[in-house]
Protein backbone atom coordinates (compact mmCIF):
# COMPACT_ATOMS: atom_id res chain seq x y z
CA MET A 1 52.29 29.39 66.43
CA LYS A 2 52.55 31.79 63.54
CA LYS A 3 51.28 34.62 65.78
CA THR A 4 53.85 33.76 68.45
CA LEU A 5 56.75 33.92 65.98
CA THR A 6 55.51 37.20 64.58
CA SER A 7 55.28 38.74 68.04
CA LEU A 8 58.74 37.47 68.96
CA PHE A 9 60.17 39.00 65.76
CA LEU A 10 58.58 42.35 66.45
CA ALA A 11 59.87 42.44 70.04
CA THR A 12 63.38 41.60 68.91
CA THR A 13 63.27 44.35 66.29
CA LEU A 14 62.16 46.94 68.85
CA ILE A 15 64.93 45.97 71.27
CA LEU A 16 67.60 46.21 68.57
CA THR A 17 66.26 49.58 67.42
CA ALA A 18 66.34 50.92 70.97
CA CYS A 19 69.94 49.75 71.41
CA ASP A 20 70.95 51.50 68.20
CA ALA A 21 69.26 54.68 69.39
CA ASP A 22 71.07 54.52 72.73
CA GLU A 23 74.39 54.06 71.00
CA THR A 24 73.65 56.99 68.69
CA ASP A 25 72.71 59.24 71.63
CA ASN A 26 75.81 58.24 73.57
CA SER A 27 78.01 58.90 70.56
CA THR A 28 76.44 62.32 70.03
CA ALA A 29 76.88 63.20 73.70
CA GLU A 30 80.52 62.13 73.65
CA GLU A 31 81.16 64.19 70.49
CA ALA A 32 79.50 67.23 72.08
CA SER A 33 81.56 66.73 75.22
CA ASP A 34 84.76 66.51 73.14
CA LEU A 35 83.86 69.72 71.29
CA GLU A 36 83.20 71.56 74.54
CA GLU A 37 86.50 70.46 76.04
CA ASN A 38 88.41 71.43 72.90
CA SER A 39 86.78 74.86 72.91
CA TYR A 40 88.32 75.70 76.34
CA PRO A 41 91.85 74.24 76.47
CA THR A 42 93.10 73.65 79.98
CA GLU A 43 96.19 75.42 81.32
CA GLY A 44 99.37 74.21 79.67
CA THR A 45 97.59 72.10 77.06
CA GLY A 46 95.77 72.51 73.76
CA ASN A 47 96.98 73.74 70.37
CA SER A 48 95.17 77.07 70.70
CA GLU A 49 97.08 78.02 73.84
CA ASP A 50 100.38 76.87 72.42
CA THR A 51 99.80 78.91 69.27
CA SER A 52 98.91 81.96 71.36
CA ASP A 53 102.12 81.61 73.35
CA ASP A 54 104.11 81.37 70.14
CA ASN A 55 102.43 84.47 68.75
CA ASP A 56 103.03 86.38 71.97
CA GLN A 57 106.68 85.34 71.98
CA ASP A 58 107.08 86.31 68.32
CA GLN A 59 105.45 89.68 69.02
CA ALA A 60 107.67 90.24 72.09
CA GLU A 61 110.77 89.41 70.06
CA SER A 62 109.60 91.78 67.35
CA ASP A 63 109.07 94.56 69.92
CA ASP A 64 112.51 93.91 71.42
CA ASP A 65 114.08 94.09 67.98
CA SER A 66 112.24 97.34 67.30
CA ARG A 67 113.42 98.85 70.59
CA SER A 68 116.98 97.73 69.88
CA GLU A 69 116.85 99.35 66.45
CA ASP A 70 115.54 102.59 67.99
CA THR A 71 118.35 102.56 70.56
CA GLU A 72 120.97 101.92 67.91
CA GLU A 73 119.59 104.66 65.66
CA HIS A 74 119.58 107.28 68.44
CA THR A 75 123.08 108.66 68.76
CA TYR A 76 123.98 111.34 71.30
CA LEU A 77 126.28 113.83 69.62
CA TYR A 78 126.67 116.27 72.53
CA GLU A 79 127.11 116.27 76.28
CA VAL A 80 127.32 118.74 79.14
CA ASN A 81 130.92 119.62 79.97
CA GLU A 82 131.50 117.89 83.32
CA GLN A 83 134.09 120.43 84.42
CA ASP A 84 131.94 123.54 84.32
CA ILE A 85 128.45 121.95 83.86
CA ALA A 86 127.65 125.07 81.85
CA THR A 87 128.72 124.45 78.26
CA ILE A 88 127.82 121.90 75.63
CA GLN A 89 130.52 119.92 73.85
CA VAL A 90 130.72 117.28 71.17
CA VAL A 91 130.91 113.73 72.52
CA GLU A 92 134.43 112.37 72.06
CA GLY A 93 134.62 110.24 68.95
CA GLU A 94 131.50 111.72 67.37
CA GLU A 95 131.45 113.98 64.33
CA ALA A 96 129.24 117.01 64.86
CA ASN A 97 129.24 120.77 64.52
CA ASP A 98 130.90 122.28 67.59
CA ARG A 99 129.75 125.80 66.76
CA VAL A 100 126.47 125.40 68.61
CA ALA A 101 124.45 127.31 71.19
CA LEU A 102 121.76 125.99 73.50
CA LEU A 103 118.63 128.02 74.30
CA THR A 104 117.14 127.50 77.78
CA TYR A 105 114.24 129.16 79.59
CA ASP A 106 113.87 128.99 83.38
CA ASP A 107 110.91 129.53 85.73
CA ALA A 108 108.39 127.95 83.38
CA PRO A 109 105.51 127.80 82.86
CA ASP A 110 104.69 131.06 84.65
CA ASN A 111 103.13 133.53 82.21
CA TYR A 112 104.83 133.57 78.82
CA ALA A 113 106.33 130.12 78.36
CA VAL A 114 103.72 128.89 75.87
CA ASP A 115 104.09 132.09 73.82
CA ILE A 116 107.86 131.67 73.83
CA ALA A 117 107.47 128.05 72.72
CA GLU A 118 105.24 129.14 69.85
CA VAL A 119 107.85 131.68 68.68
CA LEU A 120 110.58 129.03 68.89
CA LYS A 121 108.40 126.61 66.95
CA GLU A 122 107.82 129.20 64.21
CA HIS A 123 111.58 129.64 63.87
CA ASN A 124 112.35 125.91 64.11
CA ALA A 125 114.50 126.61 67.17
CA PRO A 126 114.88 123.86 69.82
CA ALA A 127 115.19 124.70 73.52
CA ILE A 128 114.84 123.39 77.08
CA PHE A 129 112.17 124.75 79.41
CA PHE A 130 113.24 124.37 83.04
CA VAL A 131 110.12 123.95 85.16
CA ASN A 132 109.33 124.97 88.72
CA GLY A 133 106.96 122.46 90.28
CA MET A 134 104.90 125.17 91.97
CA PHE A 135 103.75 126.38 88.53
CA ILE A 136 102.38 123.00 87.47
CA GLU A 137 100.24 122.22 90.50
CA SER A 138 97.28 124.10 89.01
CA GLU A 139 95.24 122.85 86.09
CA SER A 140 96.24 125.85 83.97
CA GLY A 141 99.92 125.22 84.69
CA GLN A 142 99.55 121.57 83.76
CA ASP A 143 97.83 122.54 80.51
CA MET A 144 100.66 124.92 79.66
CA LEU A 145 103.31 122.30 80.38
CA THR A 146 101.46 119.76 78.26
CA GLU A 147 101.19 122.23 75.38
CA ILE A 148 104.92 123.05 75.51
CA HIS A 149 105.83 119.37 75.62
CA GLU A 150 103.49 118.51 72.74
CA MET A 151 105.19 121.19 70.64
CA GLY A 152 108.32 119.05 70.99
CA PHE A 153 110.37 120.97 73.55
CA ALA A 154 112.54 119.34 76.22
CA ILE A 155 111.41 119.77 79.83
CA GLY A 156 113.94 120.22 82.64
CA ASN A 157 113.69 120.27 86.44
CA HIS A 158 114.27 123.63 88.19
CA THR A 159 113.13 122.51 91.69
CA HIS A 160 109.71 123.02 93.20
CA THR A 161 109.78 126.45 94.83
CA HIS A 162 113.04 127.94 93.48
CA GLN A 163 114.84 128.09 96.82
CA SER A 164 118.59 128.17 97.35
CA LEU A 165 119.51 124.52 97.85
CA PRO A 166 122.46 125.18 100.22
CA ALA A 167 120.02 126.87 102.61
CA LEU A 168 117.88 123.73 102.87
CA SER A 169 118.28 120.48 104.77
CA GLU A 170 119.10 117.37 102.77
CA GLU A 171 115.53 116.14 103.20
CA GLU A 172 114.17 119.44 101.90
CA GLN A 173 116.57 119.40 98.95
CA THR A 174 115.37 115.93 98.02
CA GLU A 175 111.75 117.02 98.19
CA GLU A 176 112.42 120.13 96.06
CA ILE A 177 113.96 117.98 93.33
CA MET A 178 111.91 114.78 93.42
CA LYS A 179 108.52 116.43 93.82
CA THR A 180 109.03 118.33 90.59
CA SER A 181 110.28 115.30 88.65
CA ASP A 182 107.29 113.31 89.88
CA LEU A 183 104.85 116.04 88.86
CA ILE A 184 106.40 116.41 85.42
CA GLU A 185 106.21 112.66 84.83
CA GLU A 186 102.61 112.56 86.01
CA ILE A 187 101.64 115.31 83.56
CA ILE A 188 103.62 114.51 80.39
CA GLY A 189 104.44 110.85 80.95
CA GLU A 190 108.22 111.12 81.16
CA ARG A 191 110.78 112.30 83.68
CA PRO A 192 113.09 115.23 82.95
CA ARG A 193 116.64 114.47 81.76
CA PHE A 194 118.19 117.78 82.82
CA PHE A 195 118.39 119.64 86.14
CA ARG A 196 119.23 123.26 86.85
CA ALA A 197 119.55 124.50 90.42
CA PRO A 198 118.14 127.91 91.32
CA PHE A 199 120.93 130.52 91.16
CA GLY A 200 123.21 127.73 89.92
CA GLN A 201 123.81 126.70 93.54
CA ASN A 202 124.33 122.94 93.69
CA THR A 203 125.22 120.87 96.75
CA ASP A 204 126.84 117.45 97.09
CA HIS A 205 123.51 116.04 98.26
CA ALA A 206 121.61 117.60 95.36
CA ARG A 207 124.15 116.21 92.91
CA LYS A 208 123.58 112.74 94.32
CA VAL A 209 119.79 113.02 94.14
CA VAL A 210 119.91 114.39 90.62
CA LYS A 211 122.20 111.60 89.42
CA GLU A 212 120.08 108.90 91.06
CA ASP A 213 117.01 110.31 89.33
CA GLY A 214 118.73 110.05 85.96
CA MET A 215 119.29 113.75 85.30
CA VAL A 216 122.31 115.74 84.17
CA LEU A 217 123.34 118.90 86.01
CA MET A 218 123.28 121.95 83.78
CA ASN A 219 124.11 125.51 84.78
CA TRP A 220 124.63 128.18 82.08
CA THR A 221 127.27 130.18 80.26
CA TYR A 222 125.58 133.57 80.49
CA GLY A 223 122.24 135.34 80.85
CA TYR A 224 121.03 138.90 81.34
CA ASP A 225 117.24 139.15 81.31
CA TRP A 226 116.93 139.56 85.10
CA GLU A 227 119.17 142.63 85.13
CA SER A 228 117.41 146.00 85.09
CA GLY A 229 119.35 147.26 82.07
CA TYR A 230 118.15 144.35 79.94
CA MET A 231 114.44 144.18 80.79
CA GLU A 232 113.73 145.47 77.31
CA ALA A 233 113.66 143.44 74.11
CA ASP A 234 116.19 145.32 71.95
CA ALA A 235 118.81 145.64 74.68
CA LEU A 236 118.40 142.00 75.66
CA ALA A 237 118.64 140.70 72.11
CA ASP A 238 121.76 142.77 71.49
CA ILE A 239 123.65 141.56 74.56
CA MET A 240 122.64 137.91 74.10
CA VAL A 241 124.06 137.85 70.58
CA ASN A 242 127.00 140.26 70.88
CA THR A 243 128.40 139.50 74.33
CA GLU A 244 132.04 138.43 74.42
CA LEU A 245 130.85 135.39 76.40
CA LEU A 246 129.26 133.87 73.30
CA ARG A 247 131.42 130.98 72.13
CA PRO A 248 130.94 127.48 70.68
CA GLY A 249 128.94 125.39 73.13
CA ALA A 250 127.44 128.43 74.89
CA ASN A 251 124.45 127.68 77.11
CA LEU A 252 122.14 130.72 77.06
CA LEU A 253 120.01 131.35 80.15
CA MET A 254 116.70 133.15 79.76
CA HIS A 255 113.43 133.30 81.71
CA ASP A 256 109.67 133.26 81.38
CA ARG A 257 109.40 137.06 80.94
CA SER A 258 107.57 139.36 78.52
CA TRP A 259 110.75 141.15 77.31
CA THR A 260 112.44 137.79 76.77
CA LEU A 261 109.50 136.68 74.66
CA GLU A 262 109.82 139.83 72.55
CA ALA A 263 113.59 139.40 72.19
CA THR A 264 113.56 135.71 71.27
CA PRO A 265 113.12 136.09 67.46
CA ALA A 266 116.05 138.53 67.23
CA ILE A 267 118.20 136.27 69.43
CA ILE A 268 117.54 133.30 67.17
CA GLU A 269 118.26 135.26 64.01
CA GLY A 270 121.36 136.92 65.51
CA LEU A 271 122.89 133.59 66.53
CA ARG A 272 122.23 132.08 63.13
CA ASP A 273 123.68 135.13 61.40
CA LYS A 274 126.88 134.35 63.30
CA ASP A 275 126.76 130.79 62.00
CA TYR A 276 125.70 129.23 65.29
CA GLU A 277 123.58 126.11 65.12
CA LEU A 278 120.93 125.81 67.83
CA VAL A 279 121.56 122.43 69.39
CA ASP A 280 118.68 120.00 69.82
CA PRO A 281 118.43 118.83 73.48
CA ASP A 282 117.48 115.38 72.20
CA LEU A 283 121.08 115.06 70.99
CA ILE A 284 122.53 115.84 74.43
CA ARG A 285 123.57 112.76 76.38
CA SER A 286 121.84 112.05 79.67
CA ILE A 287 122.72 109.73 82.55
CA PRO A 288 120.24 106.94 81.64
CA ALA A 289 121.77 106.84 78.16
CA GLU A 290 125.25 106.43 79.64
CA ASN A 291 124.07 103.64 81.94
CA ASN A 292 122.33 101.83 79.10
CA GLU A 293 125.40 102.09 76.93
CA SER A 294 127.51 100.62 79.73
CA GLU A 295 125.09 97.73 80.17
CA GLU A 296 125.06 97.04 76.43
CA THR A 297 128.86 97.09 76.33
CA GLU A 298 129.09 94.63 79.18
C-alpha cells in the first residue's frame, strides 16, 4: 500500500512538472512572437512608424521654412528694360545704384571663355557667358562650361548653331533654343535664365518659346570686337570704355576672342575708373522669379 501511494505521488509530481514546463514554453514563444511583431510594425500602425512620419514631417517643414527664408532673402534689384531689351534698370521701388554696366560674352565656350572667366574672377567682375549649344556637345566643351559655372558666372542661352532665327521655321527655332537649354541643364544642373538671339534677331515665336522656358530676352547696348578696327586689345578697350554709347545700365557685348581676352582687364578698370559698378547677373530679375512673386502675392 505504501509503495502504491509513493508511486502515485511521483506520477502526479511528474505530470504537474510537465504542465509547468509547457506553460513556460508557451509563454516564452508568445513573448518571442510579440517581440518579432513589434520589431516590424505593419503599415499604418506601430509607434516607430508614427514617430518616423512625425520626424519626416518636421524635417519637411524645416526645409520649407529654409526655402522660404532663402526666397525672402533674395531680392532682385535690377531687370532688363522691356522696351529695348538691351539695357539694365533698377526695379521700381528698389533702392540700388543705377550707374551700372553689365559685361556679357557671346559664342562661349569656344576657345578663350575659360581664360576670360579667370581674368574676370581675378578682378572680382561678374558677367554672363552666352553659350552656343554646338560648343558643349563635346567633352572638352562640357568641361569648359562646368569650369566657368563653378567659378560663379551666369550662363545664358545663345541658341544651338548661331543661325538667324527669322530664317528658320518655328519648329527649327524651338529646337535651336530648347536643345541648348536642355544641354546646359544636363551639364551644370540648372537651366539658363537669360536668352540672347544671334545678331539680336528675335521673332514672335522665339519670344514665346523663351518666355515659356523661363528666360528673359536680352540684346545689348553696344559692342565692337567683331569689327576689323577693334580686333586688337588696346583699340577695343578704348572704345568699350570711351564710347558715347556708355551710359547707366549699359549692356556690353563681347565675344570669345583672343583680343577680347586681352582687353578685358583694361575694360574692367576703365569702367570702374568712371564710377560704374559691374552689375551681378544674380541680381537681375528673371521670369520664374516674377511668376513666383505673383503666386506668393496671390
